[in-house]
Structure formats: C-alpha cells, structure tokens
Amino acid sequence: MMRVLPPLLVIGGPAGAGKSSIAGAVAELVDAKVVGLADSAGPDQHSVDLPSLQQRLDEHDEAPLVVVEGVYALALPPIRWAARWTVYVDTPLDLSLARRALSQDDPRPVLRAYLGGGREAHARTVAPGRQLADLVVDGSEGLPEIAARIHAFIRRRA
C-alpha cells in the first residue's frame, strides 16, 4: 500500500543562512511541524540519515504541512522529489559564515572548516540548490518579510 505523506515544504541553503529560523516562522504562520536534517556538520549530502528522517516525518503524518530544513535538503533527490514546494535561502557566504561562527562557543572550528574546504563544498553541493528551488529568498532580509513571502508563495501554489 502506498503511504500518503503530508505536504512538504523543503528549505535549503548554506549553514548560517537562517533556514531554521525561517522554517520556524513559516510553521507558525501555517500551523506546520518542522523537521530539521541536522546536517550542517556533515561533509556532504551523503551524511544525511534518510531512514532517520523518514522516522521523524512519520511522527508528523497527521500534520497539515511539514517543513523540512537543512543544508543538503535540496541536494538530495528523495527529499526534493517528495516536496510540494522548495525554497533556497540565498544568503551571502560572509553573512552565513559570521552567523554560524557566532552561534558557537568557540568559532575557530567553524572558521577552520570553512577555510579547509567548506567554501568549495558549498559550491559543489549546496549552491546548486538555488537553481533547483521553486522560490529563492534573500536570507539577509528580515525574518517576518521572508516568512510572509514564503507563506504567500505556498498559498498561491496550493
């Protein structure tokens, strides 16, 4: 028997782009549940635990909408294909890096990872999500404006 999932809104973008905050703000507007991939520490999209993601989605099978957010959310075809809507949070890398570094007690590991190949990994695996998304939002804009724009987009495309 084929399993029916609630509609999925998938939000991708670089670490520190504001995906989690945006997902939470949109979820409040539309009474949705949020499932984070918790993938920002992984080296690439292959580090995402898809069976674990499915288990977390199963917990919300009665929800009217589920928002899935993560760095590699748009890089993974199974997630992208399951989505009704996809959004890429286009945040300048310097702003994303600053946000990510400041979210840690010690920002040095974040900065070392970025300098040690994080920028190239972003260009290879995360940035292509921009072309795959149904909607691109500017992650440097205010949170209420971004959430309202995504909400209006969902309503138009429902």
Protein backbone atom coordinates (compact mmCIF):
# COMPACT_ATOMS: atom_id res chain seq x y z
CA MET A 1 0.00 0.00 0.00
CA MET A 2 1.33 3.43 -0.90
CA ARG A 3 1.92 5.76 2.03
CA VAL A 4 0.44 9.27 1.90
CA LEU A 5 2.61 12.00 3.39
CA PRO A 6 1.54 15.46 4.44
CA PRO A 7 2.61 18.19 2.02
CA LEU A 8 6.29 19.05 2.42
CA LEU A 9 7.92 22.46 2.19
CA VAL A 10 11.67 21.92 1.82
CA ILE A 11 14.06 24.75 2.68
CA GLY A 12 17.75 24.55 1.77
CA GLY A 13 20.73 26.86 1.78
CA PRO A 14 24.12 27.32 3.39
CA ALA A 15 24.83 26.77 7.08
CA GLY A 16 24.02 30.01 8.86
CA ALA A 17 21.62 31.18 6.15
CA GLY A 18 18.69 31.32 8.57
CA LYS A 19 16.87 28.16 7.44
CA SER A 20 15.88 27.04 10.94
CA SER A 21 14.58 30.46 11.92
CA ILE A 22 12.71 30.80 8.64
CA ALA A 23 11.24 27.30 8.97
CA GLY A 24 10.02 28.12 12.48
CA ALA A 25 8.49 31.43 11.39
CA VAL A 26 6.70 29.84 8.43
CA ALA A 27 5.49 26.96 10.62
CA GLU A 28 3.88 29.47 12.99
CA LEU A 29 2.07 31.14 10.10
CA VAL A 30 0.67 27.91 8.64
CA ASP A 31 0.41 25.61 11.68
CA ALA A 32 3.10 23.27 10.38
CA LYS A 33 5.63 20.98 12.01
CA VAL A 34 9.36 21.46 11.43
CA VAL A 35 11.85 18.65 10.84
CA GLY A 36 15.50 19.65 10.66
CA LEU A 37 18.00 17.49 8.87
CA ALA A 38 20.70 18.42 11.43
CA ASP A 39 23.16 18.05 8.58
CA SER A 40 25.33 21.15 8.83
CA ALA A 41 28.22 19.24 10.40
CA GLY A 42 28.31 16.61 7.66
CA PRO A 43 30.84 16.78 4.83
CA ASP A 44 28.25 16.34 2.08
CA GLN A 45 24.71 15.23 1.34
CA HIS A 46 25.65 11.57 1.84
CA SER A 47 25.95 12.21 5.58
CA VAL A 48 22.19 12.72 5.89
CA ASP A 49 20.49 9.77 7.58
CA LEU A 50 17.45 9.25 5.32
CA PRO A 51 15.90 6.39 7.38
CA SER A 52 16.06 8.61 10.47
CA LEU A 53 14.47 11.44 8.51
CA GLN A 54 11.65 9.13 7.45
CA GLN A 55 11.06 8.15 11.08
CA ARG A 56 10.86 11.80 12.10
CA LEU A 57 8.47 12.55 9.23
CA ASP A 58 6.31 9.60 10.26
CA GLU A 59 5.82 11.26 13.66
CA HIS A 60 4.00 14.09 11.88
CA ASP A 61 1.89 12.16 9.37
CA GLU A 62 -1.27 13.88 10.63
CA ALA A 63 0.15 17.40 10.27
CA PRO A 64 -1.37 19.69 7.64
CA LEU A 65 2.15 20.62 6.47
CA VAL A 66 5.70 19.64 7.38
CA VAL A 67 8.65 21.96 6.82
CA VAL A 68 11.94 20.14 6.22
CA GLU A 69 15.03 22.30 6.51
CA GLY A 70 18.71 21.57 6.10
CA VAL A 71 21.91 22.45 4.33
CA TYR A 72 21.62 19.47 1.96
CA ALA A 73 17.82 19.39 1.74
CA LEU A 74 17.79 20.38 -1.94
CA ALA A 75 20.84 18.28 -2.81
CA LEU A 76 19.05 15.03 -2.01
CA PRO A 77 16.67 13.89 -4.76
CA PRO A 78 14.42 11.81 -2.45
CA ILE A 79 13.72 14.87 -0.31
CA ARG A 80 13.38 17.25 -3.25
CA TRP A 81 11.05 14.89 -5.13
CA ALA A 82 8.79 14.47 -2.11
CA ALA A 83 8.41 18.24 -1.71
CA ARG A 84 5.38 20.15 -2.87
CA TRP A 85 7.37 23.39 -2.57
CA THR A 86 11.12 24.04 -2.43
CA VAL A 87 12.85 27.19 -1.20
CA TYR A 88 16.51 28.18 -1.32
CA VAL A 89 17.72 30.73 1.23
CA ASP A 90 20.28 32.76 -0.69
CA THR A 91 22.47 34.36 1.96
CA PRO A 92 25.88 35.89 1.20
CA LEU A 93 28.57 33.47 2.36
CA ASP A 94 30.23 36.06 4.58
CA LEU A 95 26.97 36.62 6.46
CA SER A 96 26.28 32.88 6.70
CA LEU A 97 29.80 32.26 7.99
CA ALA A 98 29.52 35.03 10.58
CA ARG A 99 26.16 33.73 11.81
CA ARG A 100 27.43 30.17 12.01
CA ALA A 101 30.64 31.15 13.80
CA LEU A 102 28.84 33.37 16.29
CA SER A 103 26.39 30.58 17.14
CA GLN A 104 29.24 28.53 18.60
CA ASP A 105 31.01 28.97 21.94
CA ASP A 106 34.31 28.72 20.06
CA PRO A 107 34.08 29.97 16.45
CA ARG A 108 37.52 28.68 15.46
CA PRO A 109 36.43 25.19 14.32
CA VAL A 110 33.76 26.75 12.08
CA LEU A 111 36.28 29.13 10.55
CA ARG A 112 38.87 26.37 10.08
CA ALA A 113 36.29 24.12 8.40
CA TYR A 114 35.30 26.92 6.03
CA LEU A 115 38.93 27.66 5.13
CA GLY A 116 39.73 23.94 4.88
CA GLY A 117 37.23 23.27 2.11
CA GLY A 118 33.84 24.44 3.28
CA ARG A 119 33.58 27.06 0.56
CA GLU A 120 34.33 24.52 -2.17
CA ALA A 121 31.90 22.02 -0.65
CA HIS A 122 29.21 24.72 -0.62
CA ALA A 123 29.82 25.48 -4.30
CA ARG A 124 29.71 21.78 -5.18
CA THR A 125 26.75 20.55 -3.12
CA VAL A 126 24.68 23.39 -1.64
CA ALA A 127 24.75 26.27 -4.14
CA PRO A 128 23.24 24.20 -7.00
CA GLY A 129 20.05 24.03 -4.89
CA ARG A 130 19.40 27.63 -5.93
CA GLN A 131 18.62 26.50 -9.48
CA LEU A 132 16.50 23.59 -8.25
CA ALA A 133 14.27 25.62 -5.93
CA ASP A 134 10.78 26.85 -6.77
CA LEU A 135 11.44 30.04 -4.80
CA VAL A 136 14.66 31.84 -3.86
CA VAL A 137 14.58 34.20 -0.88
CA ASP A 138 17.21 36.66 0.29
CA GLY A 139 18.46 35.44 3.66
CA SER A 140 19.72 38.90 4.57
CA GLU A 141 16.17 40.30 4.65
CA GLY A 142 14.11 40.42 7.84
CA LEU A 143 12.62 37.20 9.14
CA PRO A 144 8.98 38.40 9.11
CA GLU A 145 9.30 39.51 5.47
CA ILE A 146 10.86 36.22 4.38
CA ALA A 147 8.25 34.14 6.21
CA ALA A 148 5.41 36.21 4.74
CA ARG A 149 6.83 35.81 1.24
CA ILE A 150 7.08 32.02 1.61
CA HIS A 151 3.58 31.88 3.12
CA ALA A 152 2.14 33.85 0.17
CA PHE A 153 4.03 31.57 -2.25
CA ILE A 154 2.57 28.44 -0.62
CA ARG A 155 -0.95 29.84 -0.72
CA ARG A 156 -0.63 30.76 -4.41
CA ARG A 157 0.68 27.31 -5.27
CA ALA A 158 -1.65 25.26 -3.04
